[in-house]
All heavy atoms as atom14 arrays in JSON, in Angstrom:
{
  "sequence": "LEIGYGMGQSLVEMAVQAPEKNFIGVEVHLPGVGSLLNLAEEA",
  "atom14_mask": [
    [1, 1, 1, 1, 1, 1, 1, 1, 0, 0, 0, 0, 0, 0],
    [1, 1, 1, 1, 1, 1, 1, 1, 1, 0, 0, 0, 0, 0],
    [1, 1, 1, 1, 1, 1, 1, 1, 0, 0, 0, 0, 0, 0],
    [1, 1, 1, 1, 0, 0, 0, 0, 0, 0, 0, 0, 0, 0],
    [1, 1, 1, 1, 1, 1, 1, 1, 1, 1, 1, 1, 0, 0],
    [1, 1, 1, 1, 0, 0, 0, 0, 0, 0, 0, 0, 0, 0],
    [1, 1, 1, 1, 1, 1, 1, 1, 0, 0, 0, 0, 0, 0],
    [1, 1, 1, 1, 0, 0, 0, 0, 0, 0, 0, 0, 0, 0],
    [1, 1, 1, 1, 1, 1, 1, 1, 1, 0, 0, 0, 0, 0],
    [1, 1, 1, 1, 1, 1, 0, 0, 0, 0, 0, 0, 0, 0],
    [1, 1, 1, 1, 1, 1, 1, 1, 0, 0, 0, 0, 0, 0],
    [1, 1, 1, 1, 1, 1, 1, 0, 0, 0, 0, 0, 0, 0],
    [1, 1, 1, 1, 1, 1, 1, 1, 1, 0, 0, 0, 0, 0],
    [1, 1, 1, 1, 1, 1, 1, 1, 0, 0, 0, 0, 0, 0],
    [1, 1, 1, 1, 1, 0, 0, 0, 0, 0, 0, 0, 0, 0],
    [1, 1, 1, 1, 1, 1, 1, 0, 0, 0, 0, 0, 0, 0],
    [1, 1, 1, 1, 1, 1, 1, 1, 1, 0, 0, 0, 0, 0],
    [1, 1, 1, 1, 1, 0, 0, 0, 0, 0, 0, 0, 0, 0],
    [1, 1, 1, 1, 1, 1, 1, 0, 0, 0, 0, 0, 0, 0],
    [1, 1, 1, 1, 1, 1, 1, 1, 1, 0, 0, 0, 0, 0],
    [1, 1, 1, 1, 1, 1, 1, 1, 1, 0, 0, 0, 0, 0],
    [1, 1, 1, 1, 1, 1, 1, 1, 0, 0, 0, 0, 0, 0],
    [1, 1, 1, 1, 1, 1, 1, 1, 1, 1, 1, 0, 0, 0],
    [1, 1, 1, 1, 1, 1, 1, 1, 0, 0, 0, 0, 0, 0],
    [1, 1, 1, 1, 0, 0, 0, 0, 0, 0, 0, 0, 0, 0],
    [1, 1, 1, 1, 1, 1, 1, 0, 0, 0, 0, 0, 0, 0],
    [1, 1, 1, 1, 1, 1, 1, 1, 1, 0, 0, 0, 0, 0],
    [1, 1, 1, 1, 1, 1, 1, 0, 0, 0, 0, 0, 0, 0],
    [1, 1, 1, 1, 1, 1, 1, 1, 1, 1, 0, 0, 0, 0],
    [1, 1, 1, 1, 1, 1, 1, 1, 0, 0, 0, 0, 0, 0],
    [1, 1, 1, 1, 1, 1, 1, 0, 0, 0, 0, 0, 0, 0],
    [1, 1, 1, 1, 0, 0, 0, 0, 0, 0, 0, 0, 0, 0],
    [1, 1, 1, 1, 1, 1, 1, 0, 0, 0, 0, 0, 0, 0],
    [1, 1, 1, 1, 0, 0, 0, 0, 0, 0, 0, 0, 0, 0],
    [1, 1, 1, 1, 1, 1, 0, 0, 0, 0, 0, 0, 0, 0],
    [1, 1, 1, 1, 1, 1, 1, 1, 0, 0, 0, 0, 0, 0],
    [1, 1, 1, 1, 1, 1, 1, 1, 0, 0, 0, 0, 0, 0],
    [1, 1, 1, 1, 1, 1, 1, 1, 0, 0, 0, 0, 0, 0],
    [1, 1, 1, 1, 1, 1, 1, 1, 0, 0, 0, 0, 0, 0],
    [1, 1, 1, 1, 1, 0, 0, 0, 0, 0, 0, 0, 0, 0],
    [1, 1, 1, 1, 1, 1, 1, 1, 1, 0, 0, 0, 0, 0],
    [1, 1, 1, 1, 1, 1, 1, 1, 1, 0, 0, 0, 0, 0],
    [1, 1, 1, 1, 1, 0, 0, 0, 0, 0, 0, 0, 0, 0]
  ],
  "atom14_positions": [
    [[101.31, 85.91, 89.78], [101.46, 86.72, 90.99], [102.82, 87.38, 90.95], [103.84, 86.69, 90.9], [101.34, 85.84, 92.23], [101.57, 86.54, 93.58], [100.43, 87.5, 93.91], [101.73, 85.5, 94.71], [0.0, 0.0, 0.0], [0.0, 0.0, 0.0], [0.0, 0.0, 0.0], [0.0, 0.0, 0.0], [0.0, 0.0, 0.0], [0.0, 0.0, 0.0]],
    [[102.86, 88.71, 90.95], [104.14, 89.42, 90.98], [104.32, 90.08, 92.34], [103.48, 90.86, 92.79], [104.25, 90.47, 89.87], [105.58, 91.23, 89.96], [106.02, 91.88, 88.67], [105.45, 91.57, 87.61], [106.95, 92.7, 88.73], [0.0, 0.0, 0.0], [0.0, 0.0, 0.0], [0.0, 0.0, 0.0], [0.0, 0.0, 0.0], [0.0, 0.0, 0.0]],
    [[105.44, 89.8, 92.96], [105.78, 90.33, 94.27], [106.72, 91.52, 94.09], [107.84, 91.36, 93.6], [106.43, 89.25, 95.15], [105.43, 88.12, 95.39], [106.92, 89.84, 96.48], [106.02, 86.9, 96.09], [0.0, 0.0, 0.0], [0.0, 0.0, 0.0], [0.0, 0.0, 0.0], [0.0, 0.0, 0.0], [0.0, 0.0, 0.0], [0.0, 0.0, 0.0]],
    [[106.27, 92.71, 94.45], [107.1, 93.9, 94.36], [107.19, 94.45, 92.95], [108.23, 94.38, 92.32], [0.0, 0.0, 0.0], [0.0, 0.0, 0.0], [0.0, 0.0, 0.0], [0.0, 0.0, 0.0], [0.0, 0.0, 0.0], [0.0, 0.0, 0.0], [0.0, 0.0, 0.0], [0.0, 0.0, 0.0], [0.0, 0.0, 0.0], [0.0, 0.0, 0.0]],
    [[106.09, 95.02, 92.44], [106.09, 95.51, 91.06], [106.54, 96.96, 90.94], [106.6, 97.51, 89.84], [104.72, 95.33, 90.43], [103.57, 96.01, 91.15], [103.4, 97.4, 91.11], [102.64, 95.26, 91.86], [102.33, 98.01, 91.75], [101.57, 95.86, 92.5], [101.42, 97.24, 92.45], [100.36, 97.85, 93.09], [0.0, 0.0, 0.0], [0.0, 0.0, 0.0]],
    [[106.87, 97.61, 92.05], [107.38, 98.98, 91.99], [106.35, 99.97, 91.48], [105.3, 100.14, 92.06], [0.0, 0.0, 0.0], [0.0, 0.0, 0.0], [0.0, 0.0, 0.0], [0.0, 0.0, 0.0], [0.0, 0.0, 0.0], [0.0, 0.0, 0.0], [0.0, 0.0, 0.0], [0.0, 0.0, 0.0], [0.0, 0.0, 0.0], [0.0, 0.0, 0.0]],
    [[106.65, 100.63, 90.36], [105.73, 101.63, 89.8], [104.78, 101.02, 88.79], [103.91, 101.7, 88.26], [106.51, 102.78, 89.18], [107.43, 103.51, 90.16], [106.6, 104.07, 91.68], [105.63, 105.44, 91.07], [0.0, 0.0, 0.0], [0.0, 0.0, 0.0], [0.0, 0.0, 0.0], [0.0, 0.0, 0.0], [0.0, 0.0, 0.0], [0.0, 0.0, 0.0]],
    [[104.92, 99.74, 88.49], [103.92, 99.02, 87.74], [104.04, 98.99, 86.24], [103.22, 98.37, 85.56], [0.0, 0.0, 0.0], [0.0, 0.0, 0.0], [0.0, 0.0, 0.0], [0.0, 0.0, 0.0], [0.0, 0.0, 0.0], [0.0, 0.0, 0.0], [0.0, 0.0, 0.0], [0.0, 0.0, 0.0], [0.0, 0.0, 0.0], [0.0, 0.0, 0.0]],
    [[105.07, 99.65, 85.66], [105.16, 99.69, 84.2], [105.25, 98.3, 83.58], [104.54, 97.98, 82.63], [106.38, 100.52, 83.76], [106.28, 102.0, 84.08], [107.0, 102.34, 85.37], [107.11, 101.5, 86.27], [107.5, 103.56, 85.47], [0.0, 0.0, 0.0], [0.0, 0.0, 0.0], [0.0, 0.0, 0.0], [0.0, 0.0, 0.0], [0.0, 0.0, 0.0]],
    [[106.14, 97.48, 84.12], [106.34, 96.15, 83.54], [105.12, 95.27, 83.72], [104.74, 94.52, 82.81], [107.56, 95.47, 84.18], [108.75, 96.14, 83.84], [0.0, 0.0, 0.0], [0.0, 0.0, 0.0], [0.0, 0.0, 0.0], [0.0, 0.0, 0.0], [0.0, 0.0, 0.0], [0.0, 0.0, 0.0], [0.0, 0.0, 0.0], [0.0, 0.0, 0.0]],
    [[104.47, 95.35, 84.88], [103.3, 94.51, 85.13], [102.17, 94.88, 84.17], [101.51, 93.99, 83.61], [102.84, 94.66, 86.58], [101.69, 93.76, 87.02], [102.0, 92.29, 86.77], [101.37, 94.0, 88.49], [0.0, 0.0, 0.0], [0.0, 0.0, 0.0], [0.0, 0.0, 0.0], [0.0, 0.0, 0.0], [0.0, 0.0, 0.0], [0.0, 0.0, 0.0]],
    [[101.95, 96.16, 83.95], [100.91, 96.57, 83.01], [101.26, 96.15, 81.59], [100.4, 95.67, 80.83], [100.67, 98.09, 83.09], [99.77, 98.56, 81.94], [100.06, 98.46, 84.43], [0.0, 0.0, 0.0], [0.0, 0.0, 0.0], [0.0, 0.0, 0.0], [0.0, 0.0, 0.0], [0.0, 0.0, 0.0], [0.0, 0.0, 0.0], [0.0, 0.0, 0.0]],
    [[102.53, 96.28, 81.23], [102.95, 95.86, 79.89], [102.68, 94.37, 79.68], [102.21, 93.94, 78.62], [104.43, 96.17, 79.67], [104.91, 95.86, 78.26], [106.34, 96.28, 78.0], [106.86, 97.14, 78.75], [106.94, 95.77, 77.03], [0.0, 0.0, 0.0], [0.0, 0.0, 0.0], [0.0, 0.0, 0.0], [0.0, 0.0, 0.0], [0.0, 0.0, 0.0]],
    [[102.98, 93.56, 80.7], [102.7, 92.13, 80.6], [101.22, 91.86, 80.47], [100.79, 90.96, 79.72], [103.29, 91.39, 81.8], [104.8, 91.26, 81.76], [105.49, 90.29, 83.13], [105.4, 91.5, 84.44], [0.0, 0.0, 0.0], [0.0, 0.0, 0.0], [0.0, 0.0, 0.0], [0.0, 0.0, 0.0], [0.0, 0.0, 0.0], [0.0, 0.0, 0.0]],
    [[100.4, 92.61, 81.21], [98.95, 92.44, 81.14], [98.42, 92.79, 79.75], [97.5, 92.15, 79.25], [98.27, 93.28, 82.21], [0.0, 0.0, 0.0], [0.0, 0.0, 0.0], [0.0, 0.0, 0.0], [0.0, 0.0, 0.0], [0.0, 0.0, 0.0], [0.0, 0.0, 0.0], [0.0, 0.0, 0.0], [0.0, 0.0, 0.0], [0.0, 0.0, 0.0]],
    [[99.0, 93.82, 79.14], [98.61, 94.2, 77.78], [98.99, 93.11, 76.79], [98.2, 92.75, 75.9], [99.28, 95.54, 77.38], [99.11, 95.82, 75.89], [98.72, 96.69, 78.21], [0.0, 0.0, 0.0], [0.0, 0.0, 0.0], [0.0, 0.0, 0.0], [0.0, 0.0, 0.0], [0.0, 0.0, 0.0], [0.0, 0.0, 0.0], [0.0, 0.0, 0.0]],
    [[100.19, 92.56, 76.94], [100.69, 91.56, 76.01], [100.02, 90.2, 76.17], [100.02, 89.39, 75.23], [102.21, 91.41, 76.18], [103.0, 92.63, 75.77], [104.48, 92.5, 76.07], [104.92, 91.54, 76.72], [105.27, 93.44, 75.59], [0.0, 0.0, 0.0], [0.0, 0.0, 0.0], [0.0, 0.0, 0.0], [0.0, 0.0, 0.0], [0.0, 0.0, 0.0]],
    [[99.45, 89.94, 77.34], [98.84, 88.63, 77.6], [97.44, 88.8, 78.19], [97.21, 88.51, 79.37], [99.73, 87.79, 78.52], [0.0, 0.0, 0.0], [0.0, 0.0, 0.0], [0.0, 0.0, 0.0], [0.0, 0.0, 0.0], [0.0, 0.0, 0.0], [0.0, 0.0, 0.0], [0.0, 0.0, 0.0], [0.0, 0.0, 0.0], [0.0, 0.0, 0.0]],
    [[96.47, 89.27, 77.42], [95.13, 89.51, 77.96], [94.43, 88.23, 78.4], [93.45, 88.29, 79.16], [94.39, 90.16, 76.78], [95.14, 89.72, 75.56], [96.57, 89.63, 75.99], [0.0, 0.0, 0.0], [0.0, 0.0, 0.0], [0.0, 0.0, 0.0], [0.0, 0.0, 0.0], [0.0, 0.0, 0.0], [0.0, 0.0, 0.0], [0.0, 0.0, 0.0]],
    [[94.95, 87.1, 77.96], [94.35, 85.82, 78.35], [94.76, 85.38, 79.76], [94.2, 84.43, 80.31], [94.75, 84.72, 77.35], [96.18, 84.23, 77.45], [97.24, 85.15, 76.84], [96.87, 86.23, 76.34], [98.43, 84.77, 76.85], [0.0, 0.0, 0.0], [0.0, 0.0, 0.0], [0.0, 0.0, 0.0], [0.0, 0.0, 0.0], [0.0, 0.0, 0.0]],
    [[95.7, 86.11, 80.37], [96.18, 85.76, 81.71], [95.62, 86.73, 82.75], [95.29, 87.87, 82.44], [97.71, 85.81, 81.76], [98.39, 84.75, 80.89], [99.91, 84.85, 81.03], [100.62, 83.8, 80.18], [102.1, 83.88, 80.32], [0.0, 0.0, 0.0], [0.0, 0.0, 0.0], [0.0, 0.0, 0.0], [0.0, 0.0, 0.0], [0.0, 0.0, 0.0]],
    [[95.57, 86.27, 84.0], [95.23, 87.11, 85.14], [96.52, 87.51, 85.86], [97.39, 86.66, 86.06], [94.33, 86.36, 86.13], [93.02, 85.91, 85.53], [92.5, 86.55, 84.62], [92.48, 84.8, 86.03], [0.0, 0.0, 0.0], [0.0, 0.0, 0.0], [0.0, 0.0, 0.0], [0.0, 0.0, 0.0], [0.0, 0.0, 0.0], [0.0, 0.0, 0.0]],
    [[96.62, 88.77, 86.28], [97.8, 89.26, 86.98], [97.42, 89.85, 88.33], [96.59, 90.76, 88.4], [98.52, 90.32, 86.14], [99.15, 89.78, 84.88], [98.4, 89.68, 83.71], [100.47, 89.37, 84.86], [98.97, 89.18, 82.55], [101.05, 88.87, 83.71], [100.29, 88.77, 82.54], [0.0, 0.0, 0.0], [0.0, 0.0, 0.0], [0.0, 0.0, 0.0]],
    [[98.04, 89.33, 89.38], [97.87, 89.89, 90.73], [99.2, 90.46, 91.17], [100.22, 89.75, 91.19], [97.41, 88.82, 91.74], [96.06, 88.22, 91.31], [97.31, 89.42, 93.14], [95.61, 87.06, 92.2], [0.0, 0.0, 0.0], [0.0, 0.0, 0.0], [0.0, 0.0, 0.0], [0.0, 0.0, 0.0], [0.0, 0.0, 0.0], [0.0, 0.0, 0.0]],
    [[99.22, 91.74, 91.5], [100.44, 92.38, 91.96], [100.39, 92.63, 93.46], [99.32, 92.77, 94.05], [0.0, 0.0, 0.0], [0.0, 0.0, 0.0], [0.0, 0.0, 0.0], [0.0, 0.0, 0.0], [0.0, 0.0, 0.0], [0.0, 0.0, 0.0], [0.0, 0.0, 0.0], [0.0, 0.0, 0.0], [0.0, 0.0, 0.0], [0.0, 0.0, 0.0]],
    [[101.57, 92.69, 94.07], [101.7, 92.99, 95.49], [102.76, 94.07, 95.64], [103.89, 93.9, 95.15], [102.11, 91.75, 96.32], [102.13, 92.1, 97.81], [101.18, 90.58, 96.05], [0.0, 0.0, 0.0], [0.0, 0.0, 0.0], [0.0, 0.0, 0.0], [0.0, 0.0, 0.0], [0.0, 0.0, 0.0], [0.0, 0.0, 0.0], [0.0, 0.0, 0.0]],
    [[102.42, 95.17, 96.29], [103.36, 96.28, 96.46], [103.03, 97.03, 97.74], [101.85, 97.3, 98.03], [103.28, 97.22, 95.25], [104.17, 98.45, 95.32], [105.64, 98.09, 95.52], [106.19, 97.32, 94.7], [106.21, 98.59, 96.5], [0.0, 0.0, 0.0], [0.0, 0.0, 0.0], [0.0, 0.0, 0.0], [0.0, 0.0, 0.0], [0.0, 0.0, 0.0]],
    [[104.05, 97.37, 98.53], [103.81, 98.11, 99.77], [103.92, 99.62, 99.59], [103.48, 100.37, 100.46], [104.8, 97.67, 100.9], [104.54, 96.26, 101.31], [106.25, 97.85, 100.44], [0.0, 0.0, 0.0], [0.0, 0.0, 0.0], [0.0, 0.0, 0.0], [0.0, 0.0, 0.0], [0.0, 0.0, 0.0], [0.0, 0.0, 0.0], [0.0, 0.0, 0.0]],
    [[104.5, 100.06, 98.5], [104.75, 101.48, 98.27], [103.51, 102.1, 97.62], [103.2, 101.84, 96.44], [105.97, 101.62, 97.36], [106.47, 103.01, 97.17], [106.72, 103.87, 98.21], [106.78, 103.69, 96.03], [107.17, 105.02, 97.72], [107.2, 104.94, 96.41], [0.0, 0.0, 0.0], [0.0, 0.0, 0.0], [0.0, 0.0, 0.0], [0.0, 0.0, 0.0]],
    [[102.76, 102.92, 98.36], [101.48, 103.42, 97.89], [101.58, 104.21, 96.57], [100.7, 104.04, 95.7], [100.81, 104.27, 98.98], [99.33, 104.61, 98.75], [98.5, 103.34, 98.58], [98.79, 105.45, 99.9], [0.0, 0.0, 0.0], [0.0, 0.0, 0.0], [0.0, 0.0, 0.0], [0.0, 0.0, 0.0], [0.0, 0.0, 0.0], [0.0, 0.0, 0.0]],
    [[102.59, 105.08, 96.38], [102.68, 105.74, 95.07], [102.81, 104.73, 93.93], [102.29, 104.97, 92.84], [103.94, 106.6, 95.21], [104.0, 106.93, 96.68], [103.55, 105.66, 97.35], [0.0, 0.0, 0.0], [0.0, 0.0, 0.0], [0.0, 0.0, 0.0], [0.0, 0.0, 0.0], [0.0, 0.0, 0.0], [0.0, 0.0, 0.0], [0.0, 0.0, 0.0]],
    [[103.49, 103.61, 94.18], [103.59, 102.58, 93.16], [102.25, 101.96, 92.84], [101.93, 101.68, 91.68], [0.0, 0.0, 0.0], [0.0, 0.0, 0.0], [0.0, 0.0, 0.0], [0.0, 0.0, 0.0], [0.0, 0.0, 0.0], [0.0, 0.0, 0.0], [0.0, 0.0, 0.0], [0.0, 0.0, 0.0], [0.0, 0.0, 0.0], [0.0, 0.0, 0.0]],
    [[101.43, 101.74, 93.87], [100.08, 101.2, 93.66], [99.25, 102.18, 92.85], [98.55, 101.79, 91.9], [99.41, 100.88, 95.01], [98.0, 100.36, 94.79], [100.23, 99.85, 95.8], [0.0, 0.0, 0.0], [0.0, 0.0, 0.0], [0.0, 0.0, 0.0], [0.0, 0.0, 0.0], [0.0, 0.0, 0.0], [0.0, 0.0, 0.0], [0.0, 0.0, 0.0]],
    [[99.32, 103.45, 93.22], [98.59, 104.46, 92.46], [99.05, 104.52, 91.01], [98.24, 104.67, 90.09], [0.0, 0.0, 0.0], [0.0, 0.0, 0.0], [0.0, 0.0, 0.0], [0.0, 0.0, 0.0], [0.0, 0.0, 0.0], [0.0, 0.0, 0.0], [0.0, 0.0, 0.0], [0.0, 0.0, 0.0], [0.0, 0.0, 0.0], [0.0, 0.0, 0.0]],
    [[100.35, 104.41, 90.81], [100.9, 104.42, 89.46], [100.39, 103.24, 88.65], [100.0, 103.38, 87.49], [102.43, 104.4, 89.53], [103.0, 104.27, 88.23], [0.0, 0.0, 0.0], [0.0, 0.0, 0.0], [0.0, 0.0, 0.0], [0.0, 0.0, 0.0], [0.0, 0.0, 0.0], [0.0, 0.0, 0.0], [0.0, 0.0, 0.0], [0.0, 0.0, 0.0]],
    [[100.4, 102.05, 89.26], [99.9, 100.86, 88.57], [98.45, 101.04, 88.13], [98.1, 100.76, 86.97], [100.0, 99.64, 89.48], [99.35, 98.37, 88.92], [100.28, 97.68, 87.94], [98.94, 97.41, 90.02], [0.0, 0.0, 0.0], [0.0, 0.0, 0.0], [0.0, 0.0, 0.0], [0.0, 0.0, 0.0], [0.0, 0.0, 0.0], [0.0, 0.0, 0.0]],
    [[97.6, 101.51, 89.04], [96.19, 101.69, 88.71], [96.01, 102.71, 87.59], [95.18, 102.53, 86.69], [95.42, 102.12, 89.95], [95.37, 101.1, 91.1], [94.66, 101.7, 92.31], [94.69, 99.81, 90.67], [0.0, 0.0, 0.0], [0.0, 0.0, 0.0], [0.0, 0.0, 0.0], [0.0, 0.0, 0.0], [0.0, 0.0, 0.0], [0.0, 0.0, 0.0]],
    [[96.8, 103.77, 87.64], [96.73, 104.8, 86.61], [97.13, 104.24, 85.25], [96.45, 104.44, 84.24], [97.63, 105.97, 87.0], [97.29, 107.24, 86.24], [96.15, 107.48, 85.86], [98.3, 108.07, 86.02], [0.0, 0.0, 0.0], [0.0, 0.0, 0.0], [0.0, 0.0, 0.0], [0.0, 0.0, 0.0], [0.0, 0.0, 0.0], [0.0, 0.0, 0.0]],
    [[98.26, 103.5, 85.23], [98.76, 102.93, 83.98], [97.81, 101.88, 83.42], [97.58, 101.82, 82.21], [100.14, 102.31, 84.21], [101.29, 103.28, 84.51], [102.51, 102.52, 84.98], [101.62, 104.12, 83.28], [0.0, 0.0, 0.0], [0.0, 0.0, 0.0], [0.0, 0.0, 0.0], [0.0, 0.0, 0.0], [0.0, 0.0, 0.0], [0.0, 0.0, 0.0]],
    [[97.25, 101.05, 84.31], [96.32, 100.02, 83.86], [95.07, 100.63, 83.26], [94.55, 100.18, 82.24], [95.97, 99.1, 85.03], [0.0, 0.0, 0.0], [0.0, 0.0, 0.0], [0.0, 0.0, 0.0], [0.0, 0.0, 0.0], [0.0, 0.0, 0.0], [0.0, 0.0, 0.0], [0.0, 0.0, 0.0], [0.0, 0.0, 0.0], [0.0, 0.0, 0.0]],
    [[94.59, 101.71, 83.9], [93.39, 102.4, 83.37], [93.7, 103.01, 82.01], [92.89, 102.89, 81.07], [92.95, 103.47, 84.36], [91.66, 104.16, 83.96], [91.22, 105.2, 84.98], [92.09, 105.74, 85.7], [90.01, 105.47, 85.05], [0.0, 0.0, 0.0], [0.0, 0.0, 0.0], [0.0, 0.0, 0.0], [0.0, 0.0, 0.0], [0.0, 0.0, 0.0]],
    [[94.85, 103.65, 81.89], [95.23, 104.27, 80.61], [95.37, 103.23, 79.51], [95.01, 103.48, 78.36], [96.54, 105.03, 80.77], [96.44, 106.3, 81.6], [97.78, 106.99, 81.78], [98.81, 106.39, 81.37], [97.8, 108.1, 82.31], [0.0, 0.0, 0.0], [0.0, 0.0, 0.0], [0.0, 0.0, 0.0], [0.0, 0.0, 0.0], [0.0, 0.0, 0.0]],
    [[95.88, 102.04, 79.88], [96.09, 100.98, 78.88], [94.81, 100.23, 78.55], [94.76, 99.46, 77.59], [97.15, 100.0, 79.38], [0.0, 0.0, 0.0], [0.0, 0.0, 0.0], [0.0, 0.0, 0.0], [0.0, 0.0, 0.0], [0.0, 0.0, 0.0], [0.0, 0.0, 0.0], [0.0, 0.0, 0.0], [0.0, 0.0, 0.0], [0.0, 0.0, 0.0]]
  ]
}
């Protein structure tokens, strides 16, 4: 569980590096949420 992932680059990178793990992010900044979803889809 990551609290405050910002624009999501690091969280997505961790998800790529550890596909055996589940990652739940929490972010209040909507552009950051959109960025995370975009990056996760691209990856």
